[in-house]
Amino acid sequence: MSSSEAARKLLVGDGTTKLKLEYFNIEGVAEQVRIALTIAEVPFDDITVAFPDWAAKKPTTKHGQLPELILPSGKIVTDSMAMLRLAGEA
């Protein structure tokens, strides 16, 4: 299996659970990930967190920060450059 196929499999899974990208509704570090996933035609839920809701959401995140990319397997990726590399490989 090529690295491209492996990355796509990580992002798409078996098709029963959709990839989720959680970030604020701004063009910050996750915007390039959104664009790369869209170009790669990887289906994902773009979950935006409103700034007033951040205080309640923060304790539920892996490291108390966003963005979070939740893979179909349930694994959470928190580094935006790792997200971008994965999306770019797919």
N, C-alpha and C. Protein backbone atom coordinates (compact mmCIF):
# COMPACT_ATOMS: atom_id res chain seq x y z
N MET A 1 0.85 -1.18 0.00
CA MET A 1 0.00 0.00 0.00
C MET A 1 0.90 1.24 0.00
N SER A 2 0.59 2.16 -0.89
CA SER A 2 1.38 3.39 -0.97
C SER A 2 1.05 4.30 0.21
N SER A 3 1.91 5.30 0.45
CA SER A 3 1.66 6.23 1.56
C SER A 3 0.39 7.03 1.30
N SER A 4 0.10 7.30 0.04
CA SER A 4 -1.12 8.03 -0.31
C SER A 4 -2.35 7.20 0.02
N GLU A 5 -2.31 5.93 -0.31
CA GLU A 5 -3.43 5.03 0.02
C GLU A 5 -3.60 4.89 1.52
N ALA A 6 -2.49 4.80 2.23
CA ALA A 6 -2.54 4.66 3.70
C ALA A 6 -3.13 5.92 4.34
N ALA A 7 -2.71 7.08 3.85
CA ALA A 7 -3.24 8.34 4.40
C ALA A 7 -4.73 8.44 4.14
N ARG A 8 -5.16 8.10 2.93
CA ARG A 8 -6.58 8.17 2.60
C ARG A 8 -7.38 7.21 3.48
N LYS A 9 -6.84 6.02 3.71
CA LYS A 9 -7.52 5.03 4.56
C LYS A 9 -7.67 5.57 5.99
N LEU A 10 -6.63 6.23 6.51
CA LEU A 10 -6.72 6.84 7.84
C LEU A 10 -7.81 7.91 7.90
N LEU A 11 -7.91 8.71 6.84
CA LEU A 11 -8.86 9.82 6.82
C LEU A 11 -10.29 9.41 6.52
N VAL A 12 -10.45 8.39 5.71
CA VAL A 12 -11.80 7.96 5.30
C VAL A 12 -12.30 6.79 6.13
N GLY A 13 -11.40 5.94 6.60
CA GLY A 13 -11.80 4.77 7.39
C GLY A 13 -12.62 3.82 6.54
N ASP A 14 -13.59 3.19 7.17
CA ASP A 14 -14.43 2.23 6.44
C ASP A 14 -15.69 2.89 5.88
N GLY A 15 -15.81 4.19 6.07
CA GLY A 15 -16.94 4.93 5.52
C GLY A 15 -18.13 5.03 6.45
N THR A 16 -18.08 4.38 7.60
CA THR A 16 -19.23 4.43 8.52
C THR A 16 -19.17 5.65 9.44
N THR A 17 -17.97 6.12 9.74
CA THR A 17 -17.80 7.29 10.59
C THR A 17 -17.03 8.35 9.80
N LYS A 18 -17.52 9.58 9.88
CA LYS A 18 -16.93 10.66 9.11
C LYS A 18 -15.82 11.36 9.89
N LEU A 19 -14.81 11.77 9.18
CA LEU A 19 -13.72 12.57 9.72
C LEU A 19 -14.28 13.89 10.24
N LYS A 20 -13.74 14.40 11.35
CA LYS A 20 -14.21 15.67 11.92
C LYS A 20 -13.03 16.60 12.13
N LEU A 21 -13.21 17.84 11.73
CA LEU A 21 -12.22 18.87 11.98
C LEU A 21 -12.90 19.91 12.86
N GLU A 22 -12.36 20.11 14.05
CA GLU A 22 -12.94 21.08 14.98
C GLU A 22 -11.99 22.27 15.12
N TYR A 23 -12.54 23.46 14.88
CA TYR A 23 -11.76 24.68 14.99
C TYR A 23 -12.72 25.86 15.07
N PHE A 24 -12.17 27.01 15.31
CA PHE A 24 -12.98 28.23 15.34
C PHE A 24 -13.37 28.62 13.92
N ASN A 25 -14.37 29.44 13.78
CA ASN A 25 -14.83 29.87 12.47
C ASN A 25 -13.98 31.06 11.98
N ILE A 26 -12.69 30.77 11.83
CA ILE A 26 -11.75 31.78 11.35
C ILE A 26 -10.80 31.13 10.35
N GLU A 27 -10.08 31.94 9.63
CA GLU A 27 -9.07 31.42 8.70
C GLU A 27 -7.73 31.33 9.42
N GLY A 28 -7.66 30.47 10.40
CA GLY A 28 -6.44 30.27 11.17
C GLY A 28 -5.69 29.06 10.66
N VAL A 29 -5.00 28.37 11.56
CA VAL A 29 -4.14 27.25 11.18
C VAL A 29 -4.90 26.08 10.57
N ALA A 30 -6.20 25.96 10.84
CA ALA A 30 -6.97 24.85 10.28
C ALA A 30 -7.50 25.14 8.89
N GLU A 31 -7.45 26.39 8.45
CA GLU A 31 -8.00 26.72 7.13
C GLU A 31 -7.29 25.98 6.01
N GLN A 32 -5.97 25.87 6.10
CA GLN A 32 -5.24 25.14 5.07
C GLN A 32 -5.60 23.65 5.09
N VAL A 33 -5.94 23.12 6.25
CA VAL A 33 -6.37 21.72 6.35
C VAL A 33 -7.74 21.57 5.69
N ARG A 34 -8.64 22.50 5.96
CA ARG A 34 -9.96 22.48 5.32
C ARG A 34 -9.82 22.47 3.80
N ILE A 35 -8.97 23.33 3.29
CA ILE A 35 -8.77 23.44 1.85
C ILE A 35 -8.18 22.16 1.29
N ALA A 36 -7.16 21.62 1.95
CA ALA A 36 -6.51 20.39 1.47
C ALA A 36 -7.47 19.21 1.47
N LEU A 37 -8.29 19.08 2.50
CA LEU A 37 -9.27 17.99 2.54
C LEU A 37 -10.30 18.14 1.43
N THR A 38 -10.71 19.37 1.17
CA THR A 38 -11.69 19.63 0.12
C THR A 38 -11.10 19.29 -1.25
N ILE A 39 -9.88 19.72 -1.51
CA ILE A 39 -9.22 19.43 -2.79
C ILE A 39 -9.04 17.93 -2.98
N ALA A 40 -8.69 17.22 -1.89
CA ALA A 40 -8.49 15.77 -1.95
C ALA A 40 -9.80 15.00 -2.00
N GLU A 41 -10.91 15.73 -1.92
CA GLU A 41 -12.25 15.12 -1.91
C GLU A 41 -12.41 14.11 -0.78
N VAL A 42 -11.90 14.48 0.38
CA VAL A 42 -12.07 13.67 1.58
C VAL A 42 -13.27 14.25 2.34
N PRO A 43 -14.32 13.48 2.51
CA PRO A 43 -15.49 14.00 3.23
C PRO A 43 -15.17 14.22 4.71
N PHE A 44 -15.59 15.36 5.23
CA PHE A 44 -15.34 15.64 6.64
C PHE A 44 -16.41 16.58 7.18
N ASP A 45 -16.63 16.50 8.48
CA ASP A 45 -17.52 17.43 9.16
C ASP A 45 -16.66 18.58 9.66
N ASP A 46 -16.97 19.78 9.22
CA ASP A 46 -16.26 20.98 9.64
C ASP A 46 -17.01 21.57 10.83
N ILE A 47 -16.56 21.23 12.01
CA ILE A 47 -17.24 21.65 13.23
C ILE A 47 -16.59 22.93 13.73
N THR A 48 -17.37 23.99 13.75
CA THR A 48 -16.83 25.26 14.21
C THR A 48 -17.28 25.53 15.64
N VAL A 49 -16.38 26.07 16.41
CA VAL A 49 -16.64 26.39 17.81
C VAL A 49 -16.71 27.92 17.91
N ALA A 50 -17.83 28.41 18.40
CA ALA A 50 -17.98 29.85 18.58
C ALA A 50 -17.14 30.29 19.78
N PHE A 51 -16.57 31.47 19.70
CA PHE A 51 -15.72 31.95 20.79
C PHE A 51 -16.43 31.98 22.15
N PRO A 52 -17.72 32.36 22.22
CA PRO A 52 -18.40 32.33 23.52
C PRO A 52 -18.52 30.90 24.10
N ASP A 53 -18.47 29.88 23.24
CA ASP A 53 -18.60 28.49 23.69
C ASP A 53 -17.25 27.85 24.05
N TRP A 54 -16.16 28.55 23.79
CA TRP A 54 -14.84 27.98 23.96
C TRP A 54 -14.54 27.59 25.41
N ALA A 55 -14.94 28.39 26.36
CA ALA A 55 -14.65 28.08 27.78
C ALA A 55 -15.23 26.73 28.18
N ALA A 56 -16.42 26.40 27.69
CA ALA A 56 -17.04 25.11 28.01
C ALA A 56 -16.41 23.98 27.21
N LYS A 57 -15.99 24.26 25.99
CA LYS A 57 -15.42 23.23 25.11
C LYS A 57 -13.98 22.88 25.48
N LYS A 58 -13.22 23.86 25.94
CA LYS A 58 -11.78 23.68 26.18
C LYS A 58 -11.44 22.46 27.05
N PRO A 59 -12.14 22.22 28.17
CA PRO A 59 -11.79 21.05 28.99
C PRO A 59 -12.05 19.71 28.31
N THR A 60 -12.83 19.70 27.24
CA THR A 60 -13.14 18.44 26.56
C THR A 60 -12.14 18.12 25.45
N THR A 61 -11.22 19.05 25.16
CA THR A 61 -10.23 18.81 24.11
C THR A 61 -9.03 18.07 24.68
N LYS A 62 -8.30 17.42 23.80
CA LYS A 62 -7.17 16.58 24.23
C LYS A 62 -6.09 17.36 24.98
N HIS A 63 -5.71 18.52 24.47
CA HIS A 63 -4.65 19.32 25.10
C HIS A 63 -5.12 20.72 25.48
N GLY A 64 -6.43 20.92 25.55
CA GLY A 64 -6.96 22.23 25.89
C GLY A 64 -6.78 23.25 24.78
N GLN A 65 -6.74 22.75 23.53
CA GLN A 65 -6.55 23.66 22.40
C GLN A 65 -7.21 23.08 21.15
N LEU A 66 -7.37 23.95 20.18
CA LEU A 66 -7.87 23.56 18.86
C LEU A 66 -6.83 24.01 17.84
N PRO A 67 -6.76 23.41 16.68
CA PRO A 67 -7.70 22.48 16.08
C PRO A 67 -7.49 21.05 16.54
N GLU A 68 -8.54 20.26 16.33
CA GLU A 68 -8.48 18.82 16.53
C GLU A 68 -9.05 18.16 15.29
N LEU A 69 -8.34 17.16 14.80
CA LEU A 69 -8.81 16.35 13.69
C LEU A 69 -9.13 14.99 14.29
N ILE A 70 -10.40 14.62 14.26
CA ILE A 70 -10.82 13.35 14.84
C ILE A 70 -11.00 12.36 13.70
N LEU A 71 -10.10 11.39 13.65
CA LEU A 71 -10.12 10.39 12.59
C LEU A 71 -11.30 9.44 12.79
N PRO A 72 -11.75 8.76 11.74
CA PRO A 72 -12.84 7.80 11.89
C PRO A 72 -12.56 6.72 12.94
N SER A 73 -11.29 6.42 13.18
CA SER A 73 -10.92 5.42 14.19
C SER A 73 -11.10 5.94 15.61
N GLY A 74 -11.29 7.26 15.75
CA GLY A 74 -11.41 7.88 17.07
C GLY A 74 -10.12 8.55 17.52
N LYS A 75 -9.03 8.26 16.85
CA LYS A 75 -7.75 8.90 17.18
C LYS A 75 -7.84 10.39 16.90
N ILE A 76 -7.22 11.19 17.78
CA ILE A 76 -7.27 12.65 17.66
C ILE A 76 -5.88 13.17 17.30
N VAL A 77 -5.83 13.95 16.22
CA VAL A 77 -4.60 14.60 15.78
C VAL A 77 -4.73 16.07 16.17
N THR A 78 -3.72 16.60 16.88
CA THR A 78 -3.80 17.98 17.37
C THR A 78 -2.79 18.92 16.72
N ASP A 79 -1.85 18.41 15.99
CA ASP A 79 -0.85 19.25 15.34
C ASP A 79 -1.32 19.62 13.94
N SER A 80 -1.47 20.91 13.68
CA SER A 80 -2.02 21.35 12.40
C SER A 80 -1.14 20.98 11.22
N MET A 81 0.17 20.93 11.40
CA MET A 81 1.06 20.55 10.30
C MET A 81 0.94 19.05 10.01
N ALA A 82 0.73 18.24 11.04
CA ALA A 82 0.50 16.81 10.82
C ALA A 82 -0.82 16.60 10.08
N MET A 83 -1.83 17.39 10.44
CA MET A 83 -3.11 17.33 9.73
C MET A 83 -2.92 17.66 8.26
N LEU A 84 -2.17 18.71 8.00
CA LEU A 84 -1.95 19.16 6.63
C LEU A 84 -1.18 18.12 5.84
N ARG A 85 -0.17 17.51 6.44
CA ARG A 85 0.60 16.46 5.74
C ARG A 85 -0.30 15.28 5.40
N LEU A 86 -1.15 14.87 6.34
CA LEU A 86 -2.09 13.77 6.09
C LEU A 86 -3.03 14.11 4.94
N ALA A 87 -3.62 15.30 5.01
CA ALA A 87 -4.58 15.71 3.97
C ALA A 87 -3.88 15.85 2.63
N GLY A 88 -2.67 16.36 2.63
CA GLY A 88 -1.92 16.54 1.40
C GLY A 88 -1.51 15.21 0.78
N GLU A 89 -1.31 14.22 1.60
CA GLU A 89 -0.91 12.90 1.11
C GLU A 89 -2.11 12.15 0.51
N ALA A 90 -3.31 12.46 1.02
CA ALA A 90 -4.51 11.77 0.56
C ALA A 90 -4.85 12.23 -0.83
